[in-house]
């Protein structure tokens, strides 16, 4: 992960606009913030993402759209999806 995206305090400076760079960031965030086998509530996902950037709704949306996080249809539960292809939107079983 390129360190120029993060400030000295470890917070994200900005969400990258370029898709490839944003995908790399999202892979990094998913791997570092979320355990692969654990199911998270939306509140837990929000709290984890708030530690990185104030626009946590955008990060959450990008993680779901990018396939790094799976979300139930009602949006109440999330789970990390290791190795999910980019652009996939899997559902939590």
PDB file of N, CA and C in Angstrom:
ATOM      1  N   UNK A   1       0.863  -1.176   0.000  1.00  0.00           N
ATOM      2  CA  UNK A   1       0.000   0.000   0.000  1.00  0.00           C
ATOM      3  C   UNK A   1       0.898   1.224   0.000  1.00  0.00           C
ATOM      4  N   UNK A   2       0.615   2.145  -0.863  1.00  0.00           N
ATOM      5  CA  UNK A   2       1.440   3.342  -0.942  1.00  0.00           C
ATOM      6  C   UNK A   2       1.185   4.231   0.267  1.00  0.00           C
ATOM      7  N   UNK A   3       2.262   4.630   0.907  1.00  0.00           N
ATOM      8  CA  UNK A   3       2.157   5.411   2.133  1.00  0.00           C
ATOM      9  C   UNK A   3       1.770   6.867   1.889  1.00  0.00           C
ATOM     10  N   UNK A   4       1.837   7.341   0.647  1.00  0.00           N
ATOM     11  CA  UNK A   4       1.477   8.733   0.380  1.00  0.00           C
ATOM     12  C   UNK A   4      -0.018   8.997   0.530  1.00  0.00           C
ATOM     13  N   UNK A   5      -0.810   7.949   0.674  1.00  0.00           N
ATOM     14  CA  UNK A   5      -2.251   8.123   0.875  1.00  0.00           C
ATOM     15  C   UNK A   5      -2.599   8.457   2.319  1.00  0.00           C
ATOM     16  N   UNK A   6      -1.658   8.199   3.228  1.00  0.00           N
ATOM     17  CA  UNK A   6      -1.930   8.352   4.648  1.00  0.00           C
ATOM     18  C   UNK A   6      -1.123   9.489   5.264  1.00  0.00           C
ATOM     19  N   UNK A   7      -1.738  10.198   6.194  1.00  0.00           N
ATOM     20  CA  UNK A   7      -1.058  11.247   6.957  1.00  0.00           C
ATOM     21  C   UNK A   7      -0.183  10.579   8.024  1.00  0.00           C
ATOM     22  N   UNK A   8       0.624  11.357   8.692  1.00  0.00           N
ATOM     23  CA  UNK A   8       1.518  10.840   9.723  1.00  0.00           C
ATOM     24  C   UNK A   8       0.755  10.150  10.857  1.00  0.00           C
ATOM     25  N   UNK A   9      -0.486  10.591  11.107  1.00  0.00           N
ATOM     26  CA  UNK A   9      -1.284   9.985  12.181  1.00  0.00           C
ATOM     27  C   UNK A   9      -1.968   8.685  11.760  1.00  0.00           C
ATOM     28  N   UNK A  10      -1.739   8.247  10.515  1.00  0.00           N
ATOM     29  CA  UNK A  10      -2.302   6.999  10.038  1.00  0.00           C
ATOM     30  C   UNK A  10      -3.665   7.125   9.382  1.00  0.00           C
ATOM     31  N   UNK A  11      -4.212   8.341   9.358  1.00  0.00           N
ATOM     32  CA  UNK A  11      -5.514   8.552   8.716  1.00  0.00           C
ATOM     33  C   UNK A  11      -5.346   8.793   7.233  1.00  0.00           C
ATOM     34  N   UNK A  12      -6.330   8.388   6.490  1.00  0.00           N
ATOM     35  CA  UNK A  12      -6.350   8.548   5.049  1.00  0.00           C
ATOM     36  C   UNK A  12      -6.482  10.028   4.692  1.00  0.00           C
ATOM     37  N   UNK A  13      -5.613  10.522   3.806  1.00  0.00           N
ATOM     38  CA  UNK A  13      -5.682  11.929   3.390  1.00  0.00           C
ATOM     39  C   UNK A  13      -6.906  12.175   2.515  1.00  0.00           C
ATOM     40  N   UNK A  14      -7.134  11.289   1.555  1.00  0.00           N
ATOM     41  CA  UNK A  14      -8.272  11.406   0.630  1.00  0.00           C
ATOM     42  C   UNK A  14      -8.524  10.044   0.016  1.00  0.00           C
ATOM     43  N   UNK A  15      -9.752   9.812  -0.409  1.00  0.00           N
ATOM     44  CA  UNK A  15     -10.092   8.576  -1.105  1.00  0.00           C
ATOM     45  C   UNK A  15      -9.638   8.732  -2.552  1.00  0.00           C
ATOM     46  N   UNK A  16      -8.793   7.838  -3.045  1.00  0.00           N
ATOM     47  CA  UNK A  16      -8.292   7.971  -4.425  1.00  0.00           C
ATOM     48  C   UNK A  16      -9.423   7.946  -5.450  1.00  0.00           C
ATOM     49  N   UNK A  17      -9.270   8.744  -6.478  1.00  0.00           N
ATOM     50  CA  UNK A  17     -10.264   8.787  -7.554  1.00  0.00           C
ATOM     51  C   UNK A  17      -9.997   7.731  -8.613  1.00  0.00           C
ATOM     52  N   UNK A  18      -8.716   7.423  -8.832  1.00  0.00           N
ATOM     53  CA  UNK A  18      -8.382   6.425  -9.848  1.00  0.00           C
ATOM     54  C   UNK A  18      -8.806   5.036  -9.363  1.00  0.00           C
ATOM     55  N   UNK A  19      -9.571   4.319 -10.189  1.00  0.00           N
ATOM     56  CA  UNK A  19     -10.117   3.026  -9.763  1.00  0.00           C
ATOM     57  C   UNK A  19      -9.069   2.017  -9.281  1.00  0.00           C
ATOM     58  N   UNK A  20      -7.966   1.882  -9.966  1.00  0.00           N
ATOM     59  CA  UNK A  20      -6.957   0.893  -9.570  1.00  0.00           C
ATOM     60  C   UNK A  20      -6.346   1.248  -8.220  1.00  0.00           C
ATOM     61  N   UNK A  21      -6.073   2.501  -8.028  1.00  0.00           N
ATOM     62  CA  UNK A  21      -5.493   2.945  -6.753  1.00  0.00           C
ATOM     63  C   UNK A  21      -6.509   2.813  -5.612  1.00  0.00           C
ATOM     64  N   UNK A  22      -7.776   3.141  -5.892  1.00  0.00           N
ATOM     65  CA  UNK A  22      -8.821   3.003  -4.884  1.00  0.00           C
ATOM     66  C   UNK A  22      -9.015   1.530  -4.534  1.00  0.00           C
ATOM     67  N   UNK A  23      -8.995   0.632  -5.534  1.00  0.00           N
ATOM     68  CA  UNK A  23      -9.148  -0.796  -5.283  1.00  0.00           C
ATOM     69  C   UNK A  23      -8.021  -1.316  -4.383  1.00  0.00           C
ATOM     70  N   UNK A  24      -6.795  -0.868  -4.627  1.00  0.00           N
ATOM     71  CA  UNK A  24      -5.667  -1.284  -3.787  1.00  0.00           C
ATOM     72  C   UNK A  24      -5.864  -0.796  -2.354  1.00  0.00           C
ATOM     73  N   UNK A  25      -6.335   0.428  -2.197  1.00  0.00           N
ATOM     74  CA  UNK A  25      -6.611   0.960  -0.867  1.00  0.00           C
ATOM     75  C   UNK A  25      -7.699   0.142  -0.171  1.00  0.00           C
ATOM     76  N   UNK A  26      -8.783  -0.160  -0.886  1.00  0.00           N
ATOM     77  CA  UNK A  26      -9.888  -0.904  -0.298  1.00  0.00           C
ATOM     78  C   UNK A  26      -9.460  -2.307   0.110  1.00  0.00           C
ATOM     79  N   UNK A  27      -8.619  -2.950  -0.707  1.00  0.00           N
ATOM     80  CA  UNK A  27      -8.084  -4.262  -0.339  1.00  0.00           C
ATOM     81  C   UNK A  27      -7.293  -4.154   0.964  1.00  0.00           C
ATOM     82  N   UNK A  28      -6.483  -3.108   1.059  1.00  0.00           N
ATOM     83  CA  UNK A  28      -5.680  -2.881   2.270  1.00  0.00           C
ATOM     84  C   UNK A  28      -6.574  -2.646   3.492  1.00  0.00           C
ATOM     85  N   UNK A  29      -7.581  -1.798   3.347  1.00  0.00           N
ATOM     86  CA  UNK A  29      -8.475  -1.503   4.466  1.00  0.00           C
ATOM     87  C   UNK A  29      -9.242  -2.750   4.908  1.00  0.00           C
ATOM     88  N   UNK A  30      -9.738  -3.512   3.950  1.00  0.00           N
ATOM     89  CA  UNK A  30     -10.479  -4.726   4.287  1.00  0.00           C
ATOM     90  C   UNK A  30      -9.582  -5.704   5.048  1.00  0.00           C
ATOM     91  N   UNK A  31      -8.349  -5.848   4.590  1.00  0.00           N
ATOM     92  CA  UNK A  31      -7.430  -6.795   5.221  1.00  0.00           C
ATOM     93  C   UNK A  31      -6.995  -6.350   6.610  1.00  0.00           C
ATOM     94  N   UNK A  32      -6.885  -5.050   6.830  1.00  0.00           N
ATOM     95  CA  UNK A  32      -6.381  -4.562   8.110  1.00  0.00           C
ATOM     96  C   UNK A  32      -7.472  -4.248   9.126  1.00  0.00           C
ATOM     97  N   UNK A  33      -8.688  -3.949   8.674  1.00  0.00           N
ATOM     98  CA  UNK A  33      -9.748  -3.553   9.596  1.00  0.00           C
ATOM     99  C   UNK A  33     -10.753  -4.655   9.925  1.00  0.00           C
ATOM    100  N   UNK A  34     -10.847  -5.676   9.054  1.00  0.00           N
ATOM    101  CA  UNK A  34     -11.909  -6.669   9.218  1.00  0.00           C
ATOM    102  C   UNK A  34     -11.367  -8.095   9.168  1.00  0.00           C
ATOM    103  N   UNK A  35     -11.803  -8.905  10.134  1.00  0.00           N
ATOM    104  CA  UNK A  35     -11.433 -10.318  10.171  1.00  0.00           C
ATOM    105  C   UNK A  35     -12.272 -11.072   9.144  1.00  0.00           C
ATOM    106  N   UNK A  36     -11.669 -12.032   8.426  1.00  0.00           N
ATOM    107  CA  UNK A  36     -12.392 -12.703   7.341  1.00  0.00           C
ATOM    108  C   UNK A  36     -13.606 -13.534   7.771  1.00  0.00           C
ATOM    109  N   UNK A  37     -13.609 -14.092   8.951  1.00  0.00           N
ATOM    110  CA  UNK A  37     -14.703 -14.987   9.334  1.00  0.00           C
ATOM    111  C   UNK A  37     -15.746 -14.331  10.228  1.00  0.00           C
ATOM    112  N   UNK A  38     -15.504 -13.109  10.628  1.00  0.00           N
ATOM    113  CA  UNK A  38     -16.413 -12.431  11.552  1.00  0.00           C
ATOM    114  C   UNK A  38     -17.508 -11.663  10.805  1.00  0.00           C
ATOM    115  N   UNK A  39     -18.710 -11.667  11.371  1.00  0.00           N
ATOM    116  CA  UNK A  39     -19.815 -10.862  10.835  1.00  0.00           C
ATOM    117  C   UNK A  39     -19.878  -9.586  11.661  1.00  0.00           C
ATOM    118  N   UNK A  40     -19.971  -8.446  10.973  1.00  0.00           N
ATOM    119  CA  UNK A  40     -19.986  -7.130  11.614  1.00  0.00           C
ATOM    120  C   UNK A  40     -21.337  -6.461  11.412  1.00  0.00           C
ATOM    121  N   UNK A  41     -21.778  -5.706  12.405  1.00  0.00           N
ATOM    122  CA  UNK A  41     -22.963  -4.872  12.234  1.00  0.00           C
ATOM    123  C   UNK A  41     -22.554  -3.631  11.439  1.00  0.00           C
ATOM    124  N   UNK A  42     -23.532  -2.924  10.908  1.00  0.00           N
ATOM    125  CA  UNK A  42     -23.223  -1.698  10.172  1.00  0.00           C
ATOM    126  C   UNK A  42     -22.518  -0.696  11.086  1.00  0.00           C
ATOM    127  N   UNK A  43     -22.952  -0.626  12.323  1.00  0.00           N
ATOM    128  CA  UNK A  43     -22.318   0.283  13.286  1.00  0.00           C
ATOM    129  C   UNK A  43     -20.839  -0.055  13.489  1.00  0.00           C
ATOM    130  N   UNK A  44     -20.515  -1.341  13.595  1.00  0.00           N
ATOM    131  CA  UNK A  44     -19.121  -1.763  13.766  1.00  0.00           C
ATOM    132  C   UNK A  44     -18.281  -1.416  12.540  1.00  0.00           C
ATOM    133  N   UNK A  45     -18.854  -1.606  11.358  1.00  0.00           N
ATOM    134  CA  UNK A  45     -18.144  -1.239  10.120  1.00  0.00           C
ATOM    135  C   UNK A  45     -17.903   0.267  10.112  1.00  0.00           C
ATOM    136  N   UNK A  46     -18.924   1.040  10.441  1.00  0.00           N
ATOM    137  CA  UNK A  46     -18.792   2.497  10.469  1.00  0.00           C
ATOM    138  C   UNK A  46     -17.712   2.938  11.452  1.00  0.00           C
ATOM    139  N   UNK A  47     -17.721   2.365  12.647  1.00  0.00           N
ATOM    140  CA  UNK A  47     -16.731   2.736  13.668  1.00  0.00           C
ATOM    141  C   UNK A  47     -15.313   2.420  13.197  1.00  0.00           C
ATOM    142  N   UNK A  48     -15.122   1.277  12.565  1.00  0.00           N
ATOM    143  CA  UNK A  48     -13.800   0.911  12.053  1.00  0.00           C
ATOM    144  C   UNK A  48     -13.351   1.887  10.968  1.00  0.00           C
ATOM    145  N   UNK A  49     -14.250   2.229  10.055  1.00  0.00           N
ATOM    146  CA  UNK A  49     -13.898   3.128   8.954  1.00  0.00           C
ATOM    147  C   UNK A  49     -13.689   4.567   9.428  1.00  0.00           C
ATOM    148  N   UNK A  50     -14.389   4.982  10.484  1.00  0.00           N
ATOM    149  CA  UNK A  50     -14.198   6.328  11.045  1.00  0.00           C
ATOM    150  C   UNK A  50     -12.779   6.520  11.560  1.00  0.00           C
ATOM    151  N   UNK A  51     -12.113   5.457  11.942  1.00  0.00           N
ATOM    152  CA  UNK A  51     -10.733   5.573  12.427  1.00  0.00           C
ATOM    153  C   UNK A  51      -9.777   5.934  11.304  1.00  0.00           C
ATOM    154  N   UNK A  52     -10.232   5.757  10.065  1.00  0.00           N
ATOM    155  CA  UNK A  52      -9.382   5.987   8.898  1.00  0.00           C
ATOM    156  C   UNK A  52      -9.730   7.286   8.168  1.00  0.00           C
ATOM    157  N   UNK A  53     -11.031   7.594   8.034  1.00  0.00           N
ATOM    158  CA  UNK A  53     -11.453   8.757   7.232  1.00  0.00           C
ATOM    159  C   UNK A  53     -12.849   9.192   7.653  1.00  0.00           C
ATOM    160  N   UNK A  54     -13.118  10.486   7.582  1.00  0.00           N
ATOM    161  CA  UNK A  54     -14.430  10.989   8.008  1.00  0.00           C
ATOM    162  C   UNK A  54     -15.562  10.600   7.058  1.00  0.00           C
ATOM    163  N   UNK A  55     -15.250  10.311   5.793  1.00  0.00           N
ATOM    164  CA  UNK A  55     -16.306   9.909   4.854  1.00  0.00           C
ATOM    165  C   UNK A  55     -16.461   8.386   4.872  1.00  0.00           C
ATOM    166  N   UNK A  56     -16.815   7.871   6.048  1.00  0.00           N
ATOM    167  CA  UNK A  56     -16.963   6.424   6.208  1.00  0.00           C
ATOM    168  C   UNK A  56     -18.097   5.840   5.364  1.00  0.00           C
ATOM    169  N   UNK A  57     -19.205   6.582   5.080  1.00  0.00           N
ATOM    170  CA  UNK A  57     -20.240   5.990   4.218  1.00  0.00           C
ATOM    171  C   UNK A  57     -19.713   5.694   2.805  1.00  0.00           C
ATOM    172  N   UNK A  58     -18.878   6.586   2.284  1.00  0.00           N
ATOM    173  CA  UNK A  58     -18.316   6.353   0.950  1.00  0.00           C
ATOM    174  C   UNK A  58     -17.386   5.144   0.972  1.00  0.00           C
ATOM    175  N   UNK A  59     -16.539   5.054   1.994  1.00  0.00           N
ATOM    176  CA  UNK A  59     -15.647   3.905   2.089  1.00  0.00           C
ATOM    177  C   UNK A  59     -16.440   2.602   2.199  1.00  0.00           C
ATOM    178  N   UNK A  60     -17.482   2.595   3.010  1.00  0.00           N
ATOM    179  CA  UNK A  60     -18.317   1.400   3.180  1.00  0.00           C
ATOM    180  C   UNK A  60     -18.953   1.015   1.843  1.00  0.00           C
ATOM    181  N   UNK A  61     -19.483   1.991   1.141  1.00  0.00           N
ATOM    182  CA  UNK A  61     -20.105   1.735  -0.159  1.00  0.00           C
ATOM    183  C   UNK A  61     -19.088   1.176  -1.152  1.00  0.00           C
ATOM    184  N   UNK A  62     -17.892   1.793  -1.221  1.00  0.00           N
ATOM    185  CA  UNK A  62     -16.849   1.305  -2.121  1.00  0.00           C
ATOM    186  C   UNK A  62     -16.417  -0.115  -1.770  1.00  0.00           C
ATOM    187  N   UNK A  63     -16.341  -0.440  -0.483  1.00  0.00           N
ATOM    188  CA  UNK A  63     -15.953  -1.789  -0.058  1.00  0.00           C
ATOM    189  C   UNK A  63     -16.993  -2.829  -0.499  1.00  0.00           C
ATOM    190  N   UNK A  64     -18.266  -2.475  -0.441  1.00  0.00           N
ATOM    191  CA  UNK A  64     -19.323  -3.400  -0.862  1.00  0.00           C
ATOM    192  C   UNK A  64     -19.331  -3.525  -2.383  1.00  0.00           C
ATOM    193  N   UNK A  65     -19.290  -2.396  -3.079  1.00  0.00           N
ATOM    194  CA  UNK A  65     -19.313  -2.417  -4.546  1.00  0.00           C
ATOM    195  C   UNK A  65     -18.087  -3.142  -5.089  1.00  0.00           C
ATOM    196  N   UNK A  66     -16.935  -2.935  -4.437  1.00  0.00           N
ATOM    197  CA  UNK A  66     -15.695  -3.559  -4.887  1.00  0.00           C
ATOM    198  C   UNK A  66     -15.571  -5.029  -4.536  1.00  0.00           C
ATOM    199  N   UNK A  67     -16.485  -5.529  -3.697  1.00  0.00           N
ATOM    200  CA  UNK A  67     -16.470  -6.938  -3.355  1.00  0.00           C
ATOM    201  C   UNK A  67     -15.591  -7.294  -2.171  1.00  0.00           C
ATOM    202  N   UNK A  68     -15.000  -6.296  -1.513  1.00  0.00           N
ATOM    203  CA  UNK A  68     -14.180  -6.578  -0.337  1.00  0.00           C
ATOM    204  C   UNK A  68     -15.036  -6.920   0.881  1.00  0.00           C
ATOM    205  N   UNK A  69     -16.232  -6.330   0.965  1.00  0.00           N
ATOM    206  CA  UNK A  69     -17.180  -6.650   2.032  1.00  0.00           C
ATOM    207  C   UNK A  69     -18.482  -7.123   1.402  1.00  0.00           C
ATOM    208  N   UNK A  70     -19.058  -8.161   1.984  1.00  0.00           N
ATOM    209  CA  UNK A  70     -20.389  -8.609   1.582  1.00  0.00           C
ATOM    210  C   UNK A  70     -21.382  -8.015   2.573  1.00  0.00           C
ATOM    211  N   UNK A  71     -22.574  -7.720   2.093  1.00  0.00           N
ATOM    212  CA  UNK A  71     -23.603  -7.103   2.935  1.00  0.00           C
ATOM    213  C   UNK A  71     -24.913  -7.870   2.769  1.00  0.00           C
ATOM    214  N   UNK A  72     -25.651  -8.034   3.856  1.00  0.00           N
ATOM    215  CA  UNK A  72     -26.978  -8.640   3.743  1.00  0.00           C
ATOM    216  C   UNK A  72     -27.891  -7.680   2.985  1.00  0.00           C
ATOM    217  N   UNK A  73     -28.975  -8.203   2.441  1.00  0.00           N
ATOM    218  CA  UNK A  73     -29.896  -7.356   1.667  1.00  0.00           C
ATOM    219  C   UNK A  73     -30.426  -6.189   2.472  1.00  0.00           C
ATOM    220  N   UNK A  74     -30.664  -6.397   3.776  1.00  0.00           N
ATOM    221  CA  UNK A  74     -31.188  -5.307   4.606  1.00  0.00           C
ATOM    222  C   UNK A  74     -30.085  -4.398   5.140  1.00  0.00           C
ATOM    223  N   UNK A  75     -28.816  -4.697   4.838  1.00  0.00           N
ATOM    224  CA  UNK A  75     -27.703  -3.844   5.255  1.00  0.00           C
ATOM    225  C   UNK A  75     -27.348  -3.943   6.725  1.00  0.00           C
ATOM    226  N   UNK A  76     -27.855  -4.959   7.411  1.00  0.00           N
ATOM    227  CA  UNK A  76     -27.618  -5.054   8.851  1.00  0.00           C
ATOM    228  C   UNK A  76     -26.342  -5.811   9.214  1.00  0.00           C
ATOM    229  N   UNK A  77     -25.788  -6.593   8.287  1.00  0.00           N
ATOM    230  CA  UNK A  77     -24.595  -7.385   8.594  1.00  0.00           C
ATOM    231  C   UNK A  77     -23.624  -7.362   7.416  1.00  0.00           C
ATOM    232  N   UNK A  78     -22.356  -7.333   7.760  1.00  0.00           N
ATOM    233  CA  UNK A  78     -21.278  -7.274   6.772  1.00  0.00           C
ATOM    234  C   UNK A  78     -20.237  -8.329   7.108  1.00  0.00           C
ATOM    235  N   UNK A  79     -19.541  -8.831   6.070  1.00  0.00           N
ATOM    236  CA  UNK A  79     -18.466  -9.790   6.269  1.00  0.00           C
ATOM    237  C   UNK A  79     -17.399  -9.564   5.212  1.00  0.00           C
ATOM    238  N   UNK A  80     -16.143  -9.661   5.600  1.00  0.00           N
ATOM    239  CA  UNK A  80     -15.029  -9.519   4.662  1.00  0.00           C
ATOM    240  C   UNK A  80     -15.034 -10.677   3.681  1.00  0.00           C
ATOM    241  N   UNK A  81     -14.758 -10.366   2.443  1.00  0.00           N
ATOM    242  CA  UNK A  81     -14.729 -11.363   1.381  1.00  0.00           C
ATOM    243  C   UNK A  81     -13.315 -11.473   0.820  1.00  0.00           C
ATOM    244  N   UNK A  82     -12.450 -12.285   1.410  1.00  0.00           N
ATOM    245  CA  UNK A  82     -11.093 -12.400   0.880  1.00  0.00           C
ATOM    246  C   UNK A  82     -11.104 -13.028  -0.511  1.00  0.00           C
ATOM    247  N   UNK A  83     -10.355 -12.435  -1.407  1.00  0.00           N
ATOM    248  CA  UNK A  83     -10.221 -12.975  -2.742  1.00  0.00           C
ATOM    249  C   UNK A  83     -11.414 -12.775  -3.653  1.00  0.00           C
ATOM    250  N   UNK A  84     -12.390 -11.966  -3.259  1.00  0.00           N
ATOM    251  CA  UNK A  84     -13.550 -11.720  -4.107  1.00  0.00           C
ATOM    252  C   UNK A  84     -13.120 -10.911  -5.322  1.00  0.00           C
ATOM    253  N   UNK A  85     -13.638 -11.243  -6.500  1.00  0.00           N
ATOM    254  CA  UNK A  85     -13.263 -10.486  -7.694  1.00  0.00           C
ATOM    255  C   UNK A  85     -13.769  -9.048  -7.629  1.00  0.00           C
ATOM    256  N   UNK A  86     -13.020  -8.152  -8.217  1.00  0.00           N
ATOM    257  CA  UNK A  86     -13.401  -6.735  -8.236  1.00  0.00           C
ATOM    258  C   UNK A  86     -14.738  -6.580  -8.952  1.00  0.00           C
ATOM    259  N   UNK A  87     -15.597  -5.736  -8.385  1.00  0.00           N
ATOM    260  CA  UNK A  87     -16.893  -5.473  -8.999  1.00  0.00           C
ATOM    261  C   UNK A  87     -17.988  -6.413  -8.553  1.00  0.00           C
ATOM    262  N   UNK A  88     -17.641  -7.476  -7.832  1.00  0.00           N
ATOM    263  CA  UNK A  88     -18.651  -8.418  -7.363  1.00  0.00           C
ATOM    264  C   UNK A  88     -19.392  -7.831  -6.167  1.00  0.00           C
ATOM    265  N   UNK A  89     -20.648  -8.198  -6.026  1.00  0.00           N
ATOM    266  CA  UNK A  89     -21.427  -7.761  -4.867  1.00  0.00           C
ATOM    267  C   UNK A  89     -22.066  -8.989  -4.239  1.00  0.00           C
ATOM    268  N   UNK A  90     -21.265  -9.813  -3.540  1.00  0.00           N
ATOM    269  CA  UNK A  90     -21.797 -11.017  -2.932  1.00  0.00           C
ATOM    270  C   UNK A  90     -22.675 -10.708  -1.727  1.00  0.00           C
ATOM    271  N   UNK A  91     -23.563 -11.606  -1.401  1.00  0.00           N
ATOM    272  CA  UNK A  91     -24.442 -11.439  -0.238  1.00  0.00           C
ATOM    273  C   UNK A  91     -23.948 -12.326   0.904  1.00  0.00           C
ATOM    274  N   UNK A  92     -24.188 -11.886   2.126  1.00  0.00           N
ATOM    275  CA  UNK A  92     -23.838 -12.676   3.297  1.00  0.00           C
ATOM    276  C   UNK A  92     -24.866 -13.791   3.424  1.00  0.00           C
ATOM    277  N   UNK A  93     -24.396 -15.008   3.582  1.00  0.00           N
ATOM    278  CA  UNK A  93     -25.320 -16.155   3.716  1.00  0.00           C
ATOM    279  C   UNK A  93     -25.935 -16.216   5.084  1.00  0.00           C
TER     280      UNK A  93
END
